[in-house]
Amino acid sequence: MLRYVATRFAIWIPSVLLVMLAVYALVFYGAGDPIKLIFLRAPGDVAYNPQRIEAIRESAGLNKPFIEQFAYYVWNLAQGKFGNSLSSGRSVWALVKAAAPVSFQLALCSVILTALVAIPLGMIAALNQNTRIDYTILGSALFLWAIPAYVAGPLLMVALIVLLPGVRVPYGWGGIFDVRILLPLIVLSFQPIALIVRQTRAAVIEVLSEDFVRTARAKGVPEIMVALRHILRPVLTPVVTQLGLIMITIVNGAIFVELVFGLPGLGRLTVQALINSDYPVILAITLIGSFLVMISNLLVDILYPLLDPRANASRRRS
């Protein structure tokens, strides 16, 4: 297992470098000039001083060629230096360190909520295939999948205010045990729940045709025991794989959810960095997001043989 994990990390290094190179190229050749933006926001006529603009650009190292800038950034990153924000002057690591716990807690709660809601609903739909219950669950999943987070968030907030006028608007962050987290958590989990419901339903329908399920039912085993003992474990293998992949959906949705509900996480920090063309912050958040998705996939690969011993045997033979 240790050799497998080390091999995966060795493969990830060029992947991360390619992601960083692509993002760095986008910000380098982008239309926004962070130094000019800083001057344009300053009071007075300081925005029209090209000499000072060039001096600050030189001190920040932004006047060097693209390859030289990228190599310098990677070298600093290898030493644990993320640089400083171009707009605020604060350490990028300090900004990320303050915002990351909010996003990580929200993402973890979203994965747990998705698993607790979507897996039982998917099993119920499959066990009642082609009935009104199945159609209702599957139709609701398709409806949730069609609503993006930036639409669902404002609509639910307006609906909450209209239906419950005395309720305070759920805006801001007070921790995962604060009641204000419920609405953004629900919005962030809409599409993941829809995806896992469909995946679970398809997996259960496939398992229902297996001989061991028919044998258990022929022996008179109660239906609830058949579902929990004989169906659930083989179904969890593809579902857990999909749970790792939905981390991409959660990371993307968090940008809009945190902005709508005023959560001080990485998503809101990303929007502010994009508006200010704050390149060091954008690169740091992109790097963290890439690692988050990769770590999720690694955890899925580790859990896969635990749920399906055949995968472990196949990996040993390879």
Protein backbone atom coordinates (compact mmCIF):
# COMPACT_ATOMS: atom_id res chain seq x y z
CA MET A 1 0.00 0.00 0.00
CA LEU A 2 2.83 2.42 0.84
CA ARG A 3 4.48 1.67 -2.47
CA TYR A 4 1.17 2.29 -4.26
CA VAL A 5 0.63 5.64 -2.50
CA ALA A 6 4.22 6.72 -3.24
CA THR A 7 3.76 5.79 -6.91
CA ARG A 8 0.57 7.84 -7.13
CA PHE A 9 2.28 10.87 -5.62
CA ALA A 10 5.17 10.49 -8.07
CA ILE A 11 2.67 10.48 -10.94
CA TRP A 12 0.88 13.52 -9.52
CA ILE A 13 3.98 15.76 -9.52
CA PRO A 14 4.03 16.32 -13.32
CA SER A 15 0.23 16.63 -13.29
CA VAL A 16 0.37 19.40 -10.69
CA LEU A 17 3.15 21.14 -12.61
CA LEU A 18 1.05 21.07 -15.79
CA VAL A 19 -1.94 22.54 -13.93
CA MET A 20 0.24 25.26 -12.45
CA LEU A 21 1.79 26.00 -15.84
CA ALA A 22 -1.63 26.32 -17.49
CA VAL A 23 -2.99 28.61 -14.75
CA TYR A 24 0.19 30.69 -14.70
CA ALA A 25 -0.02 31.14 -18.47
CA LEU A 26 -3.65 32.26 -18.18
CA VAL A 27 -2.91 34.88 -15.54
CA PHE A 28 0.32 35.99 -17.25
CA TYR A 29 -1.33 36.59 -20.62
CA GLY A 30 -4.65 37.73 -19.12
CA ALA A 31 -6.12 41.16 -19.60
CA GLY A 32 -5.88 42.27 -15.97
CA ASP A 33 -2.78 44.11 -14.73
CA PRO A 34 -2.73 43.94 -10.90
CA ILE A 35 -0.28 46.82 -10.53
CA LYS A 36 -2.42 49.17 -12.62
CA LEU A 37 -5.50 48.08 -10.70
CA ILE A 38 -3.79 48.98 -7.43
CA PHE A 39 -3.02 52.46 -8.75
CA LEU A 40 -6.49 52.93 -10.23
CA ARG A 41 -8.00 52.31 -6.79
CA ALA A 42 -5.66 54.81 -5.15
CA PRO A 43 -6.92 58.38 -4.52
CA GLY A 44 -5.64 61.32 -6.49
CA ASP A 45 -3.53 61.33 -9.65
CA VAL A 46 -1.19 58.55 -8.55
CA ALA A 47 -2.87 56.20 -11.06
CA TYR A 48 -1.28 58.14 -13.94
CA ASN A 49 2.35 57.71 -12.87
CA PRO A 50 3.86 55.13 -15.27
CA GLN A 51 7.30 55.33 -13.63
CA ARG A 52 5.96 54.21 -10.27
CA ILE A 53 3.89 51.49 -11.95
CA GLU A 54 6.99 50.06 -13.62
CA ALA A 55 9.00 50.34 -10.39
CA ILE A 56 6.43 48.34 -8.42
CA ARG A 57 6.10 45.81 -11.25
CA GLU A 58 9.88 45.34 -11.19
CA SER A 59 9.97 44.93 -7.41
CA ALA A 60 7.23 42.28 -7.67
CA GLY A 61 9.12 40.45 -10.43
CA LEU A 62 6.32 40.91 -12.95
CA ASN A 63 8.53 42.45 -15.61
CA LYS A 64 10.48 39.24 -16.25
CA PRO A 65 9.78 36.75 -19.08
CA PHE A 66 7.10 34.12 -18.58
CA ILE A 67 9.39 31.10 -18.14
CA GLU A 68 11.63 32.95 -15.69
CA GLN A 69 8.65 34.05 -13.60
CA PHE A 70 7.19 30.54 -13.55
CA ALA A 71 10.51 28.92 -12.60
CA TYR A 72 10.98 31.45 -9.80
CA TYR A 73 7.46 30.74 -8.51
CA VAL A 74 7.99 26.95 -8.52
CA TRP A 75 11.34 27.39 -6.73
CA ASN A 76 9.72 29.49 -3.98
CA LEU A 77 6.86 27.03 -3.74
CA ALA A 78 9.28 24.16 -3.19
CA GLN A 79 10.59 26.13 -0.19
CA GLY A 80 7.06 26.60 1.18
CA LYS A 81 6.79 30.23 0.08
CA PHE A 82 3.47 31.19 -1.51
CA GLY A 83 4.42 34.84 -1.83
CA ASN A 84 2.40 37.90 -0.87
CA SER A 85 -0.91 39.18 -2.14
CA LEU A 86 -0.48 41.91 -4.75
CA SER A 87 -3.61 43.76 -3.64
CA SER A 88 -3.34 43.62 0.17
CA GLY A 89 0.35 42.86 0.68
CA ARG A 90 -0.52 40.11 3.18
CA SER A 91 1.01 36.66 3.07
CA VAL A 92 -0.88 34.35 0.71
CA TRP A 93 -0.43 31.50 3.18
CA ALA A 94 -2.08 33.59 5.92
CA LEU A 95 -5.06 34.32 3.66
CA VAL A 96 -5.43 30.67 2.67
CA LYS A 97 -4.95 29.46 6.24
CA ALA A 98 -7.82 31.67 7.42
CA ALA A 99 -10.20 30.67 4.61
CA ALA A 100 -9.40 26.97 4.07
CA PRO A 101 -11.01 25.58 7.28
CA VAL A 102 -14.38 27.05 6.29
CA SER A 103 -14.33 25.44 2.84
CA PHE A 104 -13.00 22.11 4.11
CA GLN A 105 -15.66 21.84 6.81
CA LEU A 106 -18.38 22.75 4.33
CA ALA A 107 -17.10 20.19 1.79
CA LEU A 108 -16.85 17.44 4.42
CA CYS A 109 -20.39 18.10 5.66
CA SER A 110 -21.63 18.09 2.07
CA VAL A 111 -20.06 14.67 1.38
CA ILE A 112 -21.55 13.23 4.59
CA LEU A 113 -25.00 14.70 3.85
CA THR A 114 -24.83 13.36 0.29
CA ALA A 115 -23.97 9.85 1.46
CA LEU A 116 -26.64 9.79 4.19
CA VAL A 117 -29.41 11.05 1.89
CA ALA A 118 -28.55 9.80 -1.58
CA ILE A 119 -27.57 6.16 -0.89
CA PRO A 120 -30.83 5.23 0.94
CA LEU A 121 -32.93 7.08 -1.65
CA GLY A 122 -31.15 5.32 -4.49
CA MET A 123 -31.71 1.93 -2.88
CA ILE A 124 -35.39 2.68 -2.24
CA ALA A 125 -35.83 3.73 -5.86
CA ALA A 126 -34.16 0.57 -7.17
CA LEU A 127 -36.07 -1.77 -4.85
CA ASN A 128 -39.29 -0.15 -6.09
CA GLN A 129 -38.26 -0.02 -9.73
CA ASN A 130 -40.81 1.34 -12.23
CA THR A 131 -43.22 2.37 -9.49
CA ARG A 132 -44.47 5.78 -8.41
CA ILE A 133 -41.82 5.89 -5.67
CA ASP A 134 -39.07 5.21 -8.20
CA TYR A 135 -40.32 7.85 -10.61
CA THR A 136 -40.67 10.43 -7.83
CA ILE A 137 -37.14 9.91 -6.50
CA LEU A 138 -35.55 9.77 -9.93
CA GLY A 139 -37.50 12.81 -11.17
CA SER A 140 -36.51 14.80 -8.08
CA ALA A 141 -32.86 13.84 -8.63
CA LEU A 142 -32.99 15.03 -12.24
CA PHE A 143 -34.63 18.28 -11.11
CA LEU A 144 -31.91 18.91 -8.51
CA TRP A 145 -29.18 18.12 -11.02
CA ALA A 146 -30.56 20.77 -13.40
CA ILE A 147 -30.34 23.58 -10.81
CA PRO A 148 -26.87 25.15 -10.51
CA ALA A 149 -25.70 26.48 -7.15
CA TYR A 150 -25.72 30.12 -8.26
CA VAL A 151 -29.43 29.79 -9.06
CA ALA A 152 -30.52 27.61 -6.13
CA GLY A 153 -28.82 29.80 -3.50
CA PRO A 154 -30.62 33.11 -4.19
CA LEU A 155 -33.94 31.35 -4.88
CA LEU A 156 -33.89 29.47 -1.56
CA MET A 157 -32.86 32.61 0.30
CA VAL A 158 -35.76 34.59 -1.23
CA ALA A 159 -38.16 31.71 -0.54
CA LEU A 160 -37.02 31.57 3.09
CA ILE A 161 -37.60 35.28 3.56
CA VAL A 162 -41.04 35.18 1.87
CA LEU A 163 -42.31 32.05 3.64
CA LEU A 164 -40.80 32.84 7.04
CA PRO A 165 -40.63 36.63 7.37
CA GLY A 166 -39.45 36.51 10.98
CA VAL A 167 -36.42 34.31 10.24
CA ARG A 168 -33.05 36.00 10.02
CA VAL A 169 -31.26 35.76 6.66
CA PRO A 170 -28.65 32.94 6.86
CA TYR A 171 -25.66 35.10 6.02
CA GLY A 172 -22.17 34.65 7.48
CA TRP A 173 -20.22 31.90 9.19
CA GLY A 174 -20.53 30.64 12.76
CA GLY A 175 -19.09 27.12 12.48
CA ILE A 176 -20.52 23.79 11.36
CA PHE A 177 -22.89 23.67 14.34
CA ASP A 178 -24.43 27.04 13.52
CA VAL A 179 -27.93 26.90 12.05
CA ARG A 180 -26.83 29.28 9.29
CA ILE A 181 -24.85 26.49 7.63
CA LEU A 182 -27.97 24.47 6.79
CA LEU A 183 -29.09 26.44 3.74
CA PRO A 184 -25.66 26.70 2.03
CA LEU A 185 -25.04 23.04 2.84
CA ILE A 186 -28.31 22.02 1.19
CA VAL A 187 -27.57 24.13 -1.89
CA LEU A 188 -24.05 22.72 -2.18
CA SER A 189 -25.37 19.15 -1.90
CA PHE A 190 -28.11 19.40 -4.56
CA GLN A 191 -26.11 18.15 -7.54
CA PRO A 192 -24.00 15.59 -5.61
CA ILE A 193 -27.17 14.05 -4.14
CA ALA A 194 -28.73 13.80 -7.59
CA LEU A 195 -25.62 12.13 -8.98
CA ILE A 196 -25.28 9.57 -6.17
CA VAL A 197 -29.00 8.73 -6.24
CA ARG A 198 -28.77 7.79 -9.91
CA GLN A 199 -25.49 5.90 -9.39
CA THR A 200 -26.88 3.95 -6.41
CA ARG A 201 -30.09 3.10 -8.23
CA ALA A 202 -28.22 1.75 -11.25
CA ALA A 203 -25.84 -0.28 -9.05
CA VAL A 204 -28.67 -1.82 -6.99
CA ILE A 205 -30.63 -2.80 -10.11
CA GLU A 206 -27.52 -4.55 -11.40
CA VAL A 207 -26.93 -6.40 -8.11
CA LEU A 208 -30.56 -7.52 -7.87
CA SER A 209 -30.02 -9.87 -10.81
CA GLU A 210 -27.15 -11.71 -9.09
CA ASP A 211 -27.56 -15.32 -7.94
CA PHE A 212 -26.71 -14.64 -4.27
CA VAL A 213 -29.60 -12.17 -3.99
CA ARG A 214 -32.08 -14.60 -5.50
CA THR A 215 -30.77 -17.34 -3.20
CA ALA A 216 -31.18 -15.17 -0.11
CA ARG A 217 -34.74 -14.31 -1.07
CA ALA A 218 -35.51 -17.97 -1.81
CA LYS A 219 -34.35 -18.88 1.71
CA GLY A 220 -36.90 -16.45 3.14
CA VAL A 221 -34.45 -13.83 4.36
CA PRO A 222 -36.35 -10.60 5.18
CA GLU A 223 -36.11 -7.93 2.51
CA ILE A 224 -34.45 -5.42 4.84
CA MET A 225 -31.70 -7.95 5.64
CA VAL A 226 -31.24 -8.74 1.96
CA ALA A 227 -30.75 -5.05 1.27
CA LEU A 228 -28.33 -4.44 4.14
CA ARG A 229 -26.29 -7.67 4.03
CA HIS A 230 -26.28 -8.78 0.41
CA ILE A 231 -26.93 -5.66 -1.68
CA LEU A 232 -25.35 -2.75 0.19
CA ARG A 233 -21.69 -3.83 0.15
CA PRO A 234 -21.30 -4.51 -3.61
CA VAL A 235 -23.28 -1.33 -4.29
CA LEU A 236 -20.91 0.77 -2.17
CA THR A 237 -17.96 0.05 -4.48
CA PRO A 238 -19.09 2.18 -7.46
CA VAL A 239 -20.86 4.66 -5.17
CA VAL A 240 -17.72 5.39 -3.12
CA THR A 241 -15.83 5.88 -6.35
CA GLN A 242 -18.41 8.44 -7.42
CA LEU A 243 -18.26 10.15 -4.01
CA GLY A 244 -14.60 10.87 -4.66
CA LEU A 245 -15.34 12.33 -8.06
CA ILE A 246 -18.07 14.67 -6.79
CA MET A 247 -15.40 16.59 -4.89
CA ILE A 248 -14.86 18.48 -8.16
CA THR A 249 -18.55 19.46 -8.18
CA ILE A 250 -18.36 20.54 -4.54
CA VAL A 251 -15.23 22.66 -5.12
CA ASN A 252 -16.85 24.40 -8.09
CA GLY A 253 -20.16 24.93 -6.28
CA ALA A 254 -18.46 26.31 -3.18
CA ILE A 255 -17.37 29.41 -5.13
CA PHE A 256 -20.98 30.49 -5.72
CA VAL A 257 -22.35 29.23 -2.39
CA GLU A 258 -19.77 31.08 -0.31
CA LEU A 259 -20.32 34.25 -2.29
CA VAL A 260 -24.12 34.14 -1.96
CA PHE A 261 -24.18 33.29 1.75
CA GLY A 262 -21.19 35.38 2.80
CA LEU A 263 -18.98 32.49 3.91
CA PRO A 264 -15.31 33.50 4.37
CA GLY A 265 -13.92 30.45 2.57
CA LEU A 266 -11.67 29.72 -0.38
CA GLY A 267 -14.51 30.26 -2.85
CA ARG A 268 -15.08 33.84 -1.75
CA LEU A 269 -11.32 34.41 -1.64
CA THR A 270 -11.11 33.13 -5.22
CA VAL A 271 -13.70 35.62 -6.46
CA GLN A 272 -11.93 38.51 -4.73
CA ALA A 273 -8.58 37.42 -6.19
CA LEU A 274 -10.05 37.21 -9.69
CA ILE A 275 -11.57 40.68 -9.40
CA ASN A 276 -8.25 42.12 -8.20
CA SER A 277 -6.13 40.02 -10.63
CA ASP A 278 -4.24 38.82 -7.56
CA TYR A 279 -2.09 36.19 -9.26
CA PRO A 280 -0.34 34.66 -6.19
CA VAL A 281 -3.69 34.04 -4.47
CA ILE A 282 -5.24 32.54 -7.62
CA LEU A 283 -2.30 30.18 -8.08
CA ALA A 284 -2.31 29.08 -4.44
CA ILE A 285 -6.04 28.31 -4.45
CA THR A 286 -5.73 26.43 -7.76
CA LEU A 287 -2.91 24.35 -6.32
CA ILE A 288 -4.92 23.55 -3.18
CA GLY A 289 -7.98 22.61 -5.24
CA SER A 290 -5.90 20.27 -7.40
CA PHE A 291 -4.43 18.56 -4.35
CA LEU A 292 -7.88 18.23 -2.79
CA VAL A 293 -9.27 16.44 -5.83
CA MET A 294 -6.20 14.21 -6.10
CA ILE A 295 -6.29 13.27 -2.42
CA SER A 296 -9.99 12.42 -2.75
CA ASN A 297 -9.23 10.11 -5.67
CA LEU A 298 -6.39 8.51 -3.69
CA LEU A 299 -8.71 7.80 -0.75
CA VAL A 300 -11.19 6.24 -3.16
CA ASP A 301 -8.44 4.02 -4.61
CA ILE A 302 -7.48 2.91 -1.08
CA LEU A 303 -11.08 2.17 -0.05
CA TYR A 304 -11.89 0.34 -3.30
CA PRO A 305 -10.00 -2.92 -2.48
CA LEU A 306 -11.40 -2.87 1.07
CA LEU A 307 -14.92 -2.94 -0.36
CA ASP A 308 -14.09 -5.26 -3.27
CA PRO A 309 -11.28 -7.80 -2.54
CA ARG A 310 -11.12 -8.67 -6.24
CA ALA A 311 -9.66 -5.22 -6.95
CA ASN A 312 -6.90 -5.82 -4.40
CA ALA A 313 -6.01 -9.17 -5.98
CA SER A 314 -5.96 -7.63 -9.44
CA ARG A 315 -3.66 -4.83 -8.30
CA ARG A 316 -1.22 -7.32 -6.75
CA ARG A 317 -1.05 -9.31 -9.98
CA SER A 318 -0.30 -6.11 -11.91
